[in-house]
C-alpha atoms as a PDB file:
ATOM      1  CA  UNK A   1      91.842  87.087  51.860  1.00  0.00           C
ATOM      2  CA  UNK A   2      89.927  89.807  53.618  1.00  0.00           C
ATOM      3  CA  UNK A   3      89.830  90.312  57.588  1.00  0.00           C
ATOM      4  CA  UNK A   4      87.546  92.312  59.380  1.00  0.00           C
ATOM      5  CA  UNK A   5      89.044  94.021  62.754  1.00  0.00           C
ATOM      6  CA  UNK A   6      86.682  95.714  65.674  1.00  0.00           C
ATOM      7  CA  UNK A   7      87.288  97.446  67.991  1.00  0.00           C
ATOM      8  CA  UNK A   8      89.171  95.967  70.968  1.00  0.00           C
ATOM      9  CA  UNK A   9      89.853  98.206  73.613  1.00  0.00           C
ATOM     10  CA  UNK A  10      92.297  96.604  77.413  1.00  0.00           C
ATOM     11  CA  UNK A  11      91.181  98.022  80.305  1.00  0.00           C
ATOM     12  CA  UNK A  12      92.675  97.182  83.732  1.00  0.00           C
ATOM     13  CA  UNK A  13      91.114  97.366  87.185  1.00  0.00           C
ATOM     14  CA  UNK A  14      92.738  97.621  90.417  1.00  0.00           C
ATOM     15  CA  UNK A  15      91.450  96.680  93.740  1.00  0.00           C
ATOM     16  CA  UNK A  16      93.165  98.133  96.284  1.00  0.00           C
ATOM     17  CA  UNK A  17      92.821  96.550  99.348  1.00  0.00           C
ATOM     18  CA  UNK A  18      93.343  97.128 102.802  1.00  0.00           C
ATOM     19  CA  UNK A  19      92.481  96.373 106.602  1.00  0.00           C
ATOM     20  CA  UNK A  20      90.777  99.119 108.287  1.00  0.00           C
ATOM     21  CA  UNK A  21      88.652  98.998 111.668  1.00  0.00           C
ATOM     22  CA  UNK A  22      88.826  94.998 111.849  1.00  0.00           C
ATOM     23  CA  UNK A  23      87.244  94.494 108.055  1.00  0.00           C
ATOM     24  CA  UNK A  24      88.628  94.131 104.688  1.00  0.00           C
ATOM     25  CA  UNK A  25      88.245  97.448 102.405  1.00  0.00           C
ATOM     26  CA  UNK A  26      88.342  97.691  99.470  1.00  0.00           C
ATOM     27  CA  UNK A  27      89.086 101.479  97.318  1.00  0.00           C
ATOM     28  CA  UNK A  28      85.734 102.861  95.203  1.00  0.00           C
ATOM     29  CA  UNK A  29      84.194 105.530  93.561  1.00  0.00           C
ATOM     30  CA  UNK A  30      81.343 106.665  93.107  1.00  0.00           C
ATOM     31  CA  UNK A  31      80.286 107.089  89.065  1.00  0.00           C
ATOM     32  CA  UNK A  32      78.948 110.189  88.143  1.00  0.00           C
ATOM     33  CA  UNK A  33      78.017 109.489  83.957  1.00  0.00           C
ATOM     34  CA  UNK A  34      76.091 107.409  82.550  1.00  0.00           C
ATOM     35  CA  UNK A  35      76.684 103.650  82.328  1.00  0.00           C
ATOM     36  CA  UNK A  36      75.879 102.737  85.608  1.00  0.00           C
ATOM     37  CA  UNK A  37      74.591 106.490  87.001  1.00  0.00           C
ATOM     38  CA  UNK A  38      75.692 106.277  90.607  1.00  0.00           C
ATOM     39  CA  UNK A  39      77.063 103.034  90.828  1.00  0.00           C
ATOM     40  CA  UNK A  40      80.320 102.180  91.901  1.00  0.00           C
ATOM     41  CA  UNK A  41      83.360 101.514  90.731  1.00  0.00           C
ATOM     42  CA  UNK A  42      86.892 100.066  90.966  1.00  0.00           C
ATOM     43  CA  UNK A  43      89.969 102.338  90.041  1.00  0.00           C
ATOM     44  CA  UNK A  44      90.861 102.133  86.417  1.00  0.00           C
ATOM     45  CA  UNK A  45      92.462 103.167  83.178  1.00  0.00           C
ATOM     46  CA  UNK A  46      92.911 102.049  79.781  1.00  0.00           C
ATOM     47  CA  UNK A  47      96.690 100.510  78.828  1.00  0.00           C
ATOM     48  CA  UNK A  48      98.431 102.993  76.108  1.00  0.00           C
ATOM     49  CA  UNK A  49     100.316 102.048  73.769  1.00  0.00           C
ATOM     50  CA  UNK A  50     103.605 102.253  75.015  1.00  0.00           C
ATOM     51  CA  UNK A  51     102.538 101.261  79.013  1.00  0.00           C
ATOM     52  CA  UNK A  52     102.159  96.839  79.805  1.00  0.00           C
ATOM     53  CA  UNK A  53      98.656  96.235  81.711  1.00  0.00           C
ATOM     54  CA  UNK A  54     100.569  96.179  84.971  1.00  0.00           C
ATOM     55  CA  UNK A  55     102.573  99.033  84.035  1.00  0.00           C
ATOM     56  CA  UNK A  56      98.895 100.651  83.891  1.00  0.00           C
ATOM     57  CA  UNK A  57      98.002  99.368  86.977  1.00  0.00           C
ATOM     58  CA  UNK A  58     100.745 100.859  88.753  1.00  0.00           C
ATOM     59  CA  UNK A  59      99.887 104.255  86.956  1.00  0.00           C
ATOM     60  CA  UNK A  60      95.944 104.070  87.915  1.00  0.00           C
ATOM     61  CA  UNK A  61      96.928 102.991  91.729  1.00  0.00           C
ATOM     62  CA  UNK A  62      99.694 106.517  91.671  1.00  0.00           C
ATOM     63  CA  UNK A  63      96.336 108.377  90.145  1.00  0.00           C
ATOM     64  CA  UNK A  64      94.021 106.832  92.541  1.00  0.00           C
ATOM     65  CA  UNK A  65      96.215 106.999  95.680  1.00  0.00           C
ATOM     66  CA  UNK A  66      99.364 108.118  95.321  1.00  0.00           C
ATOM     67  CA  UNK A  67     100.974 105.077  96.429  1.00  0.00           C
ATOM     68  CA  UNK A  68     103.659 103.510  94.189  1.00  0.00           C
ATOM     69  CA  UNK A  69     105.726 100.288  95.290  1.00  0.00           C
ATOM     70  CA  UNK A  70     102.919  98.368  96.895  1.00  0.00           C
ATOM     71  CA  UNK A  71     102.313  94.750  96.183  1.00  0.00           C
ATOM     72  CA  UNK A  72     100.380  93.436  93.305  1.00  0.00           C
ATOM     73  CA  UNK A  73      99.337  91.165  91.342  1.00  0.00           C
ATOM     74  CA  UNK A  74      97.730  89.802  88.515  1.00  0.00           C
ATOM     75  CA  UNK A  75      94.264  88.802  89.134  1.00  0.00           C
ATOM     76  CA  UNK A  76      91.829  87.754  86.048  1.00  0.00           C
ATOM     77  CA  UNK A  77      91.273  88.491  82.377  1.00  0.00           C
ATOM     78  CA  UNK A  78      87.327  89.282  81.889  1.00  0.00           C
ATOM     79  CA  UNK A  79      86.512  88.952  78.436  1.00  0.00           C
ATOM     80  CA  UNK A  80      82.621  89.124  78.610  1.00  0.00           C
ATOM     81  CA  UNK A  81      81.187  90.463  75.028  1.00  0.00           C
ATOM     82  CA  UNK A  82      78.542  92.780  76.881  1.00  0.00           C
ATOM     83  CA  UNK A  83      80.574  93.567  80.321  1.00  0.00           C
ATOM     84  CA  UNK A  84      80.536  97.348  79.424  1.00  0.00           C
ATOM     85  CA  UNK A  85      77.954  98.611  76.864  1.00  0.00           C
ATOM     86  CA  UNK A  86      79.922 101.364  75.372  1.00  0.00           C
ATOM     87  CA  UNK A  87      82.147  98.872  73.440  1.00  0.00           C
ATOM     88  CA  UNK A  88      84.064  95.456  73.710  1.00  0.00           C
ATOM     89  CA  UNK A  89      86.626  96.034  76.322  1.00  0.00           C
ATOM     90  CA  UNK A  90      88.585  93.488  77.958  1.00  0.00           C
ATOM     91  CA  UNK A  91      89.576  93.937  81.443  1.00  0.00           C
ATOM     92  CA  UNK A  92      92.716  92.628  82.957  1.00  0.00           C
ATOM     93  CA  UNK A  93      92.182  93.028  86.860  1.00  0.00           C
ATOM     94  CA  UNK A  94      94.713  92.983  89.791  1.00  0.00           C
ATOM     95  CA  UNK A  95      94.881  93.492  92.789  1.00  0.00           C
ATOM     96  CA  UNK A  96      96.774  95.354  95.474  1.00  0.00           C
ATOM     97  CA  UNK A  97      97.730  95.741  98.854  1.00  0.00           C
ATOM     98  CA  UNK A  98      98.565  97.981 101.199  1.00  0.00           C
ATOM     99  CA  UNK A  99      98.608  98.600 104.797  1.00  0.00           C
ATOM    100  CA  UNK A 100      95.792 101.222 106.193  1.00  0.00           C
ATOM    101  CA  UNK A 101      98.763 103.607 107.685  1.00  0.00           C
ATOM    102  CA  UNK A 102     100.112 104.315 104.347  1.00  0.00           C
ATOM    103  CA  UNK A 103      96.770 105.025 102.648  1.00  0.00           C
ATOM    104  CA  UNK A 104      95.686 108.647 102.674  1.00  0.00           C
ATOM    105  CA  UNK A 105      92.768 108.539  99.725  1.00  0.00           C
ATOM    106  CA  UNK A 106      91.935 112.378 101.195  1.00  0.00           C
ATOM    107  CA  UNK A 107      95.875 113.605 100.868  1.00  0.00           C
ATOM    108  CA  UNK A 108      95.868 111.747  97.276  1.00  0.00           C
ATOM    109  CA  UNK A 109      93.138 113.691  96.600  1.00  0.00           C
ATOM    110  CA  UNK A 110      91.519 111.112  95.540  1.00  0.00           C
ATOM    111  CA  UNK A 111      87.245 110.866  94.386  1.00  0.00           C
ATOM    112  CA  UNK A 112      87.419 107.452  96.109  1.00  0.00           C
ATOM    113  CA  UNK A 113      86.943 106.169  99.122  1.00  0.00           C
ATOM    114  CA  UNK A 114      86.926 102.608 101.409  1.00  0.00           C
ATOM    115  CA  UNK A 115      84.281 100.142 101.626  1.00  0.00           C
ATOM    116  CA  UNK A 116      83.819  96.827 103.078  1.00  0.00           C
ATOM    117  CA  UNK A 117      84.234  94.844 101.223  1.00  0.00           C
ATOM    118  CA  UNK A 118      81.505  92.059 102.899  1.00  0.00           C
ATOM    119  CA  UNK A 119      79.016  94.737 102.382  1.00  0.00           C
ATOM    120  CA  UNK A 120      80.047  94.992  98.479  1.00  0.00           C
ATOM    121  CA  UNK A 121      79.319  91.173  98.606  1.00  0.00           C
ATOM    122  CA  UNK A 122      76.155  91.523 100.348  1.00  0.00           C
ATOM    123  CA  UNK A 123      75.284  93.557  97.228  1.00  0.00           C
ATOM    124  CA  UNK A 124      74.360  96.473  99.477  1.00  0.00           C
ATOM    125  CA  UNK A 125      76.778  98.458  97.696  1.00  0.00           C
ATOM    126  CA  UNK A 126      76.102  98.295  93.918  1.00  0.00           C
ATOM    127  CA  UNK A 127      78.825  98.038  91.374  1.00  0.00           C
ATOM    128  CA  UNK A 128      78.625  98.908  87.723  1.00  0.00           C
ATOM    129  CA  UNK A 129      80.652  96.645  84.771  1.00  0.00           C
ATOM    130  CA  UNK A 130      81.482  93.557  86.383  1.00  0.00           C
ATOM    131  CA  UNK A 131      83.287  94.743  89.733  1.00  0.00           C
ATOM    132  CA  UNK A 132      81.251  92.378  91.781  1.00  0.00           C
ATOM    133  CA  UNK A 133      82.835  89.837  90.533  1.00  0.00           C
ATOM    134  CA  UNK A 134      86.330  91.021  90.494  1.00  0.00           C
ATOM    135  CA  UNK A 135      85.749  91.379  94.240  1.00  0.00           C
ATOM    136  CA  UNK A 136      84.044  88.411  95.614  1.00  0.00           C
ATOM    137  CA  UNK A 137      87.133  86.784  93.057  1.00  0.00           C
ATOM    138  CA  UNK A 138      89.710  88.927  94.151  1.00  0.00           C
ATOM    139  CA  UNK A 139      88.212  88.553  98.265  1.00  0.00           C
ATOM    140  CA  UNK A 140      88.389  84.934  98.446  1.00  0.00           C
ATOM    141  CA  UNK A 141      91.992  84.807  96.307  1.00  0.00           C
ATOM    142  CA  UNK A 142      93.620  86.735  99.388  1.00  0.00           C
ATOM    143  CA  UNK A 143      91.857  84.022 102.024  1.00  0.00           C
ATOM    144  CA  UNK A 144      93.667  81.098  99.356  1.00  0.00           C
ATOM    145  CA  UNK A 145      96.883  82.935  99.733  1.00  0.00           C
ATOM    146  CA  UNK A 146      97.659  83.913 102.646  1.00  0.00           C
ATOM    147  CA  UNK A 147      98.425  80.518 104.301  1.00  0.00           C
ATOM    148  CA  UNK A 148     101.683  79.803 101.560  1.00  0.00           C
ATOM    149  CA  UNK A 149     102.936  83.275 100.720  1.00  0.00           C
ATOM    150  CA  UNK A 150     103.709  86.656 102.706  1.00  0.00           C
ATOM    151  CA  UNK A 151     100.349  88.490 101.830  1.00  0.00           C
ATOM    152  CA  UNK A 152      99.622  89.052 105.490  1.00  0.00           C
ATOM    153  CA  UNK A 153     102.468  91.004 105.718  1.00  0.00           C
ATOM    154  CA  UNK A 154     101.457  93.494 103.141  1.00  0.00           C
ATOM    155  CA  UNK A 155      98.026  95.099 105.522  1.00  0.00           C
ATOM    156  CA  UNK A 156     100.894  96.137 108.954  1.00  0.00           C
ATOM    157  CA  UNK A 157     103.496  98.243 109.151  1.00  0.00           C
ATOM    158  CA  UNK A 158     107.257  97.163 109.231  1.00  0.00           C
ATOM    159  CA  UNK A 159     106.800  97.076 112.875  1.00  0.00           C
ATOM    160  CA  UNK A 160     103.875  95.148 113.912  1.00  0.00           C
ATOM    161  CA  UNK A 161     102.830  93.184 116.970  1.00  0.00           C
ATOM    162  CA  UNK A 162     102.008  89.478 116.991  1.00  0.00           C
ATOM    163  CA  UNK A 163      97.703  90.225 117.895  1.00  0.00           C
ATOM    164  CA  UNK A 164      97.813  92.510 115.082  1.00  0.00           C
ATOM    165  CA  UNK A 165      99.284  89.941 112.561  1.00  0.00           C
ATOM    166  CA  UNK A 166      97.218  87.565 112.999  1.00  0.00           C
ATOM    167  CA  UNK A 167      94.304  89.596 113.374  1.00  0.00           C
ATOM    168  CA  UNK A 168      95.664  90.283 109.308  1.00  0.00           C
ATOM    169  CA  UNK A 169      94.813  86.442 109.124  1.00  0.00           C
ATOM    170  CA  UNK A 170      91.489  85.809 110.491  1.00  0.00           C
ATOM    171  CA  UNK A 171      90.461  88.657 108.679  1.00  0.00           C
ATOM    172  CA  UNK A 172      91.793  87.352 105.197  1.00  0.00           C
ATOM    173  CA  UNK A 173      90.589  83.275 106.199  1.00  0.00           C
ATOM    174  CA  UNK A 174      87.024  84.802 107.740  1.00  0.00           C
ATOM    175  CA  UNK A 175      87.852  82.502 111.170  1.00  0.00           C
ATOM    176  CA  UNK A 176      89.187  83.095 114.366  1.00  0.00           C
ATOM    177  CA  UNK A 177      92.939  81.014 115.132  1.00  0.00           C
ATOM    178  CA  UNK A 178      94.577  80.185 118.065  1.00  0.00           C
ATOM    179  CA  UNK A 179      97.071  81.952 119.849  1.00  0.00           C
ATOM    180  CA  UNK A 180      99.593  79.546 120.505  1.00  0.00           C
ATOM    181  CA  UNK A 181      99.343  77.456 116.444  1.00  0.00           C
ATOM    182  CA  UNK A 182      99.345  80.995 114.712  1.00  0.00           C
ATOM    183  CA  UNK A 183     102.699  82.141 117.069  1.00  0.00           C
ATOM    184  CA  UNK A 184     103.895  78.540 116.389  1.00  0.00           C
ATOM    185  CA  UNK A 185     102.832  78.258 112.397  1.00  0.00           C
ATOM    186  CA  UNK A 186     104.350  82.370 112.831  1.00  0.00           C
ATOM    187  CA  UNK A 187     107.336  81.724 114.431  1.00  0.00           C
ATOM    188  CA  UNK A 188     110.390  80.874 111.717  1.00  0.00           C
ATOM    189  CA  UNK A 189     109.273  84.315 109.576  1.00  0.00           C
ATOM    190  CA  UNK A 190     109.291  86.731 112.188  1.00  0.00           C
ATOM    191  CA  UNK A 191     111.932  88.678 114.173  1.00  0.00           C
ATOM    192  CA  UNK A 192     112.147  90.807 117.184  1.00  0.00           C
ATOM    193  CA  UNK A 193     112.383  93.853 116.779  1.00  0.00           C
ATOM    194  CA  UNK A 194     113.528  94.357 120.677  1.00  0.00           C
ATOM    195  CA  UNK A 195     111.339  97.399 121.049  1.00  0.00           C
ATOM    196  CA  UNK A 196     107.668  97.515 122.492  1.00  0.00           C
ATOM    197  CA  UNK A 197     104.629  99.318 121.608  1.00  0.00           C
ATOM    198  CA  UNK A 198     103.596 101.353 124.233  1.00  0.00           C
ATOM    199  CA  UNK A 199     101.040 103.761 125.076  1.00  0.00           C
ATOM    200  CA  UNK A 200      97.976 101.724 124.026  1.00  0.00           C
ATOM    201  CA  UNK A 201      94.889 100.964 126.183  1.00  0.00           C
ATOM    202  CA  UNK A 202      96.475  97.678 127.227  1.00  0.00           C
ATOM    203  CA  UNK A 203      99.454  96.391 128.413  1.00  0.00           C
ATOM    204  CA  UNK A 204     103.062  96.972 126.177  1.00  0.00           C
ATOM    205  CA  UNK A 205     103.305  94.554 123.879  1.00  0.00           C
ATOM    206  CA  UNK A 206     106.383  93.589 121.919  1.00  0.00           C
ATOM    207  CA  UNK A 207     107.593  94.754 117.901  1.00  0.00           C
ATOM    208  CA  UNK A 208     108.317  92.211 115.801  1.00  0.00           C
ATOM    209  CA  UNK A 209     109.102  92.481 111.842  1.00  0.00           C
ATOM    210  CA  UNK A 210     109.340  90.223 108.867  1.00  0.00           C
ATOM    211  CA  UNK A 211     112.099  87.842 108.574  1.00  0.00           C
ATOM    212  CA  UNK A 212     115.355  89.363 107.664  1.00  0.00           C
ATOM    213  CA  UNK A 213     115.100  85.969 104.737  1.00  0.00           C
ATOM    214  CA  UNK A 214     111.086  86.671 104.153  1.00  0.00           C
ATOM    215  CA  UNK A 215     112.846  89.827 103.518  1.00  0.00           C
ATOM    216  CA  UNK A 216     115.692  88.813 101.404  1.00  0.00           C
ATOM    217  CA  UNK A 217     113.232  86.671  99.000  1.00  0.00           C
ATOM    218  CA  UNK A 218     110.910  89.418  98.601  1.00  0.00           C
ATOM    219  CA  UNK A 219     113.997  90.938  96.511  1.00  0.00           C
ATOM    220  CA  UNK A 220     114.729  88.272  94.625  1.00  0.00           C
END
């Protein structure tokens, strides 16, 4: 029995999310060649023979942002036959999260920039391939995970105020939260650093960090 082998490529695309100016944003770059010339695309690379898909995703993040060791999780596998007009390509999508202070695309020499996720989802920003679908699924996954996981902490510095953290929850959930209810819910997961945030327009605020038991769970 003979078999016909069709060339199949495996790629990874990474949705690098952060929060800036009270908006969920994503790293995109404008394509300068066909296919989809002048449209925007997620950071992506082909998977090498000597690396796993997650290692390829980490490489893509490092190449575009200069960051390493940030939160990353597999999102979904996209395998539509015609998703890439150049060749039969399956893409394994990952989402990565970082706080805005740690993300310096200019310093990393990246051609990418930050774009408002709402503009992407509204269709105002044309995305190449099936990257709009990836972005829609990624944003929905964040909203679905935020209440039962620690992903909100990935968007703030190691030390943060409770209003800063609450705003992250509200942005990901796309709805306001009552201050008293939020603080009751988050109390077991944070600890007071004994420091104050000063120099802001408002009165000094206490600085918190993720509770020690939550930090240790992340390393297990």
